[in-house]
Amino acid sequence: MSRKRSHFTIVPSAELEELRRDRERLNALGSCCWDVRFESHSNGMDGDYTIGIEVVGHYMGKPCARVLGENYNENLRAAIDQALTAEAYPPERPEYDQYGNPERRHA
């Protein structure tokens, strides 16, 4: 008679919460059918590049492709988090205040 072995890994609660948050992010990408676009931008003449990340939603009305979240510091999690807090139908890409925080637009 063989016993079924169970392996458990104990992780700190902070790490477990971050894993749960990552699961929410992945579920949102899949359930909302968002695209993640990576764009490379030159930093100047030194030959270095930075990667910009955009989370794009697709809608029936114009504009059909709308940027819901973006991050130009190569942080995919931040771009998805911004998309999760975006208004349901933003008119276009968000504007930023002087501190780099997205501003809410009023119609």
N, C-alpha and C. Protein backbone atom coordinates (compact mmCIF):
# COMPACT_ATOMS: atom_id res chain seq x y z
N MET A 1 0.85 -1.16 0.00
CA MET A 1 0.00 0.00 0.00
C MET A 1 0.90 1.24 0.00
N SER A 2 0.72 2.05 -0.98
CA SER A 2 1.55 3.26 -1.06
C SER A 2 0.78 4.46 -0.51
N ARG A 3 1.54 5.30 0.12
CA ARG A 3 0.94 6.52 0.67
C ARG A 3 1.19 7.66 -0.29
N LYS A 4 0.19 8.45 -0.50
CA LYS A 4 0.33 9.62 -1.36
C LYS A 4 1.05 10.70 -0.57
N ARG A 5 2.11 11.20 -1.13
CA ARG A 5 2.88 12.23 -0.45
C ARG A 5 2.39 13.61 -0.86
N SER A 6 2.34 14.45 0.11
CA SER A 6 1.97 15.85 -0.14
C SER A 6 3.15 16.72 0.24
N HIS A 7 3.50 17.63 -0.64
CA HIS A 7 4.59 18.54 -0.36
C HIS A 7 4.03 19.95 -0.20
N PHE A 8 4.37 20.56 0.87
CA PHE A 8 3.93 21.92 1.13
C PHE A 8 5.15 22.81 1.28
N THR A 9 5.04 23.98 0.74
CA THR A 9 6.10 24.97 0.89
C THR A 9 5.55 26.11 1.71
N ILE A 10 6.24 26.43 2.76
CA ILE A 10 5.81 27.53 3.62
C ILE A 10 6.45 28.81 3.10
N VAL A 11 5.59 29.78 2.79
CA VAL A 11 6.08 31.07 2.31
C VAL A 11 5.59 32.14 3.28
N PRO A 12 6.35 33.22 3.37
CA PRO A 12 5.90 34.32 4.23
C PRO A 12 4.58 34.90 3.72
N SER A 13 3.80 35.46 4.63
CA SER A 13 2.49 35.98 4.26
C SER A 13 2.58 37.11 3.24
N ALA A 14 3.63 37.93 3.29
CA ALA A 14 3.79 39.01 2.31
C ALA A 14 4.01 38.45 0.92
N GLU A 15 4.81 37.39 0.83
CA GLU A 15 5.05 36.76 -0.47
C GLU A 15 3.79 36.08 -0.99
N LEU A 16 3.04 35.47 -0.09
CA LEU A 16 1.78 34.83 -0.48
C LEU A 16 0.79 35.86 -1.01
N GLU A 17 0.72 37.01 -0.37
CA GLU A 17 -0.17 38.08 -0.82
C GLU A 17 0.26 38.59 -2.20
N GLU A 18 1.56 38.69 -2.44
CA GLU A 18 2.05 39.13 -3.75
C GLU A 18 1.71 38.09 -4.82
N LEU A 19 1.79 36.82 -4.50
CA LEU A 19 1.41 35.77 -5.45
C LEU A 19 -0.08 35.83 -5.77
N ARG A 20 -0.90 36.08 -4.76
CA ARG A 20 -2.34 36.24 -5.00
C ARG A 20 -2.62 37.44 -5.88
N ARG A 21 -1.88 38.53 -5.66
CA ARG A 21 -2.05 39.74 -6.48
C ARG A 21 -1.64 39.46 -7.93
N ASP A 22 -0.57 38.71 -8.12
CA ASP A 22 -0.15 38.33 -9.47
C ASP A 22 -1.21 37.48 -10.15
N ARG A 23 -1.86 36.59 -9.39
CA ARG A 23 -2.94 35.78 -9.96
C ARG A 23 -4.10 36.66 -10.42
N GLU A 24 -4.44 37.69 -9.63
CA GLU A 24 -5.49 38.63 -10.04
C GLU A 24 -5.10 39.36 -11.32
N ARG A 25 -3.84 39.74 -11.41
CA ARG A 25 -3.38 40.43 -12.63
C ARG A 25 -3.50 39.54 -13.86
N LEU A 26 -3.06 38.27 -13.73
CA LEU A 26 -3.15 37.35 -14.86
C LEU A 26 -4.60 37.05 -15.22
N ASN A 27 -5.45 36.89 -14.23
CA ASN A 27 -6.87 36.66 -14.50
C ASN A 27 -7.49 37.84 -15.24
N ALA A 28 -7.10 39.06 -14.87
CA ALA A 28 -7.64 40.25 -15.54
C ALA A 28 -7.19 40.29 -16.99
N LEU A 29 -5.93 39.98 -17.26
CA LEU A 29 -5.45 39.97 -18.65
C LEU A 29 -6.25 38.99 -19.50
N GLY A 30 -6.50 37.82 -18.94
CA GLY A 30 -7.22 36.80 -19.68
C GLY A 30 -8.70 37.08 -19.82
N SER A 31 -9.35 37.49 -18.74
CA SER A 31 -10.79 37.67 -18.79
C SER A 31 -11.21 38.93 -19.55
N CYS A 32 -10.37 39.94 -19.56
CA CYS A 32 -10.70 41.18 -20.27
C CYS A 32 -10.14 41.21 -21.69
N CYS A 33 -9.40 40.17 -22.08
CA CYS A 33 -8.80 40.08 -23.42
C CYS A 33 -7.91 41.29 -23.72
N TRP A 34 -7.13 41.71 -22.73
CA TRP A 34 -6.22 42.83 -22.94
C TRP A 34 -4.96 42.36 -23.64
N ASP A 35 -4.38 43.24 -24.43
CA ASP A 35 -3.07 43.01 -25.03
C ASP A 35 -2.02 43.69 -24.18
N VAL A 36 -0.85 43.09 -24.12
CA VAL A 36 0.31 43.73 -23.50
C VAL A 36 1.29 43.99 -24.63
N ARG A 37 1.64 45.25 -24.80
CA ARG A 37 2.57 45.66 -25.86
C ARG A 37 3.85 46.20 -25.24
N PHE A 38 4.95 45.75 -25.79
CA PHE A 38 6.26 46.23 -25.36
C PHE A 38 6.85 47.07 -26.48
N GLU A 39 7.28 48.27 -26.14
CA GLU A 39 7.86 49.17 -27.13
C GLU A 39 9.25 49.58 -26.66
N SER A 40 10.19 49.57 -27.57
CA SER A 40 11.56 49.94 -27.24
C SER A 40 11.81 51.38 -27.68
N HIS A 41 12.37 52.18 -26.78
CA HIS A 41 12.65 53.58 -27.07
C HIS A 41 14.12 53.87 -26.81
N SER A 42 14.75 54.58 -27.73
CA SER A 42 16.15 54.95 -27.57
C SER A 42 16.30 56.03 -26.50
N ASN A 43 17.34 55.91 -25.69
CA ASN A 43 17.63 56.90 -24.65
C ASN A 43 18.56 58.00 -25.14
N GLY A 44 18.90 57.98 -26.38
CA GLY A 44 19.79 59.01 -26.91
C GLY A 44 20.89 58.38 -27.75
N MET A 45 22.00 59.05 -27.79
CA MET A 45 23.08 58.63 -28.67
C MET A 45 24.00 57.59 -28.03
N ASP A 46 23.79 57.22 -26.78
CA ASP A 46 24.68 56.25 -26.13
C ASP A 46 24.35 54.80 -26.49
N GLY A 47 23.31 54.60 -27.28
CA GLY A 47 22.96 53.26 -27.74
C GLY A 47 22.13 52.46 -26.75
N ASP A 48 21.70 53.09 -25.67
CA ASP A 48 20.89 52.40 -24.67
C ASP A 48 19.42 52.55 -25.00
N TYR A 49 18.63 51.58 -24.60
CA TYR A 49 17.20 51.59 -24.86
C TYR A 49 16.44 51.34 -23.57
N THR A 50 15.23 51.85 -23.52
CA THR A 50 14.32 51.54 -22.42
C THR A 50 13.07 50.89 -23.03
N ILE A 51 12.43 50.07 -22.25
CA ILE A 51 11.25 49.36 -22.74
C ILE A 51 10.01 49.95 -22.10
N GLY A 52 9.06 50.36 -22.93
CA GLY A 52 7.77 50.85 -22.46
C GLY A 52 6.75 49.73 -22.57
N ILE A 53 5.87 49.66 -21.60
CA ILE A 53 4.85 48.61 -21.57
C ILE A 53 3.48 49.27 -21.58
N GLU A 54 2.60 48.81 -22.46
CA GLU A 54 1.23 49.31 -22.54
C GLU A 54 0.25 48.15 -22.44
N VAL A 55 -0.79 48.32 -21.65
CA VAL A 55 -1.90 47.37 -21.58
C VAL A 55 -3.04 47.98 -22.38
N VAL A 56 -3.48 47.27 -23.42
CA VAL A 56 -4.44 47.82 -24.38
C VAL A 56 -5.74 47.02 -24.32
N GLY A 57 -6.86 47.75 -24.20
CA GLY A 57 -8.18 47.15 -24.26
C GLY A 57 -8.80 47.38 -25.63
N HIS A 58 -9.67 46.50 -26.03
CA HIS A 58 -10.31 46.60 -27.35
C HIS A 58 -11.81 46.81 -27.17
N TYR A 59 -12.35 47.79 -27.89
CA TYR A 59 -13.75 48.17 -27.73
C TYR A 59 -14.41 48.31 -29.10
N MET A 60 -15.75 48.25 -29.11
CA MET A 60 -16.50 48.39 -30.35
C MET A 60 -16.50 49.83 -30.85
N GLY A 61 -16.60 50.79 -29.93
CA GLY A 61 -16.62 52.20 -30.31
C GLY A 61 -15.23 52.76 -30.50
N LYS A 62 -15.16 53.88 -31.19
CA LYS A 62 -13.88 54.52 -31.44
C LYS A 62 -13.44 55.31 -30.23
N PRO A 63 -12.18 55.32 -29.92
CA PRO A 63 -11.11 54.52 -30.51
C PRO A 63 -11.23 53.06 -30.09
N CYS A 64 -11.02 52.18 -31.04
CA CYS A 64 -11.22 50.75 -30.78
C CYS A 64 -10.15 50.16 -29.87
N ALA A 65 -8.92 50.61 -30.02
CA ALA A 65 -7.82 50.16 -29.16
C ALA A 65 -7.48 51.30 -28.22
N ARG A 66 -7.62 51.05 -26.91
CA ARG A 66 -7.39 52.10 -25.92
C ARG A 66 -6.34 51.65 -24.91
N VAL A 67 -5.39 52.52 -24.65
CA VAL A 67 -4.36 52.22 -23.66
C VAL A 67 -4.97 52.43 -22.28
N LEU A 68 -5.05 51.34 -21.51
CA LEU A 68 -5.63 51.39 -20.18
C LEU A 68 -4.58 51.57 -19.10
N GLY A 69 -3.40 51.07 -19.36
CA GLY A 69 -2.31 51.18 -18.41
C GLY A 69 -0.99 51.22 -19.14
N GLU A 70 -0.05 51.95 -18.60
CA GLU A 70 1.27 52.03 -19.23
C GLU A 70 2.33 52.28 -18.17
N ASN A 71 3.54 51.85 -18.50
CA ASN A 71 4.66 52.08 -17.61
C ASN A 71 5.92 52.11 -18.45
N TYR A 72 6.71 53.13 -18.28
CA TYR A 72 7.93 53.27 -19.06
C TYR A 72 9.17 53.03 -18.22
N ASN A 73 8.99 52.34 -17.09
CA ASN A 73 10.11 51.93 -16.24
C ASN A 73 10.25 50.42 -16.22
N GLU A 74 9.76 49.76 -17.27
CA GLU A 74 9.85 48.31 -17.45
C GLU A 74 9.20 47.54 -16.30
N ASN A 75 8.07 48.03 -15.82
CA ASN A 75 7.36 47.39 -14.71
C ASN A 75 5.99 46.93 -15.20
N LEU A 76 5.91 45.67 -15.57
CA LEU A 76 4.66 45.10 -16.08
C LEU A 76 3.56 45.13 -15.03
N ARG A 77 3.90 44.82 -13.79
CA ARG A 77 2.90 44.82 -12.73
C ARG A 77 2.25 46.20 -12.57
N ALA A 78 3.05 47.25 -12.63
CA ALA A 78 2.51 48.61 -12.49
C ALA A 78 1.57 48.95 -13.64
N ALA A 79 1.89 48.52 -14.85
CA ALA A 79 1.03 48.78 -16.01
C ALA A 79 -0.31 48.05 -15.87
N ILE A 80 -0.27 46.80 -15.41
CA ILE A 80 -1.52 46.05 -15.22
C ILE A 80 -2.34 46.65 -14.09
N ASP A 81 -1.68 47.04 -13.00
CA ASP A 81 -2.39 47.67 -11.89
C ASP A 81 -3.08 48.95 -12.33
N GLN A 82 -2.44 49.73 -13.18
CA GLN A 82 -3.06 50.95 -13.69
C GLN A 82 -4.28 50.60 -14.54
N ALA A 83 -4.17 49.56 -15.35
CA ALA A 83 -5.31 49.15 -16.18
C ALA A 83 -6.47 48.67 -15.30
N LEU A 84 -6.16 48.01 -14.19
CA LEU A 84 -7.21 47.52 -13.29
C LEU A 84 -7.96 48.66 -12.62
N THR A 85 -7.33 49.80 -12.46
CA THR A 85 -7.98 50.94 -11.81
C THR A 85 -8.48 51.96 -12.82
N ALA A 86 -8.33 51.68 -14.12
CA ALA A 86 -8.79 52.62 -15.14
C ALA A 86 -10.31 52.66 -15.18
N GLU A 87 -10.85 53.75 -15.66
CA GLU A 87 -12.29 53.86 -15.84
C GLU A 87 -12.72 52.87 -16.91
N ALA A 88 -13.98 52.53 -16.92
CA ALA A 88 -14.46 51.48 -17.82
C ALA A 88 -14.20 51.80 -19.29
N TYR A 89 -14.40 53.03 -19.69
CA TYR A 89 -14.20 53.39 -21.09
C TYR A 89 -13.40 54.69 -21.16
N PRO A 90 -12.12 54.65 -20.92
CA PRO A 90 -11.35 55.89 -21.00
C PRO A 90 -11.30 56.40 -22.43
N PRO A 91 -11.37 57.72 -22.63
CA PRO A 91 -11.38 58.26 -23.98
C PRO A 91 -10.07 58.06 -24.72
N GLU A 92 -8.95 58.02 -24.01
CA GLU A 92 -7.65 57.83 -24.64
C GLU A 92 -6.63 57.56 -23.55
N ARG A 93 -5.38 57.57 -23.88
CA ARG A 93 -4.36 57.25 -22.90
C ARG A 93 -4.37 58.27 -21.76
N PRO A 94 -4.04 57.85 -20.55
CA PRO A 94 -4.12 58.75 -19.40
C PRO A 94 -3.08 59.86 -19.44
N GLU A 95 -3.40 60.98 -18.82
CA GLU A 95 -2.45 62.07 -18.64
C GLU A 95 -1.85 61.94 -17.25
N TYR A 96 -0.70 62.55 -17.04
CA TYR A 96 0.00 62.43 -15.77
C TYR A 96 0.21 63.79 -15.13
N ASP A 97 0.19 63.81 -13.79
CA ASP A 97 0.51 65.03 -13.08
C ASP A 97 2.03 65.16 -12.97
N GLN A 98 2.50 66.17 -12.27
CA GLN A 98 3.93 66.44 -12.21
C GLN A 98 4.71 65.36 -11.43
N TYR A 99 3.99 64.50 -10.71
CA TYR A 99 4.64 63.44 -9.95
C TYR A 99 4.59 62.09 -10.66
N GLY A 100 4.03 62.06 -11.86
CA GLY A 100 3.95 60.82 -12.62
C GLY A 100 2.74 59.97 -12.31
N ASN A 101 1.78 60.52 -11.57
CA ASN A 101 0.56 59.79 -11.24
C ASN A 101 -0.51 60.05 -12.31
N PRO A 102 -1.28 59.03 -12.71
CA PRO A 102 -2.31 59.26 -13.72
C PRO A 102 -3.40 60.17 -13.17
N GLU A 103 -3.85 61.09 -14.02
CA GLU A 103 -4.93 62.02 -13.63
C GLU A 103 -6.25 61.51 -14.15
N ARG A 104 -7.29 61.71 -13.42
CA ARG A 104 -8.64 61.37 -13.88
C ARG A 104 -9.14 62.51 -14.76
N ARG A 105 -9.75 62.13 -15.86
CA ARG A 105 -10.32 63.14 -16.77
C ARG A 105 -11.78 63.33 -16.46
N HIS A 106 -12.22 64.55 -16.56
CA HIS A 106 -13.64 64.87 -16.36
C HIS A 106 -14.22 65.27 -17.70
N ALA A 107 -15.34 64.69 -18.04
CA ALA A 107 -15.98 64.97 -19.35
C ALA A 107 -16.60 66.33 -19.36
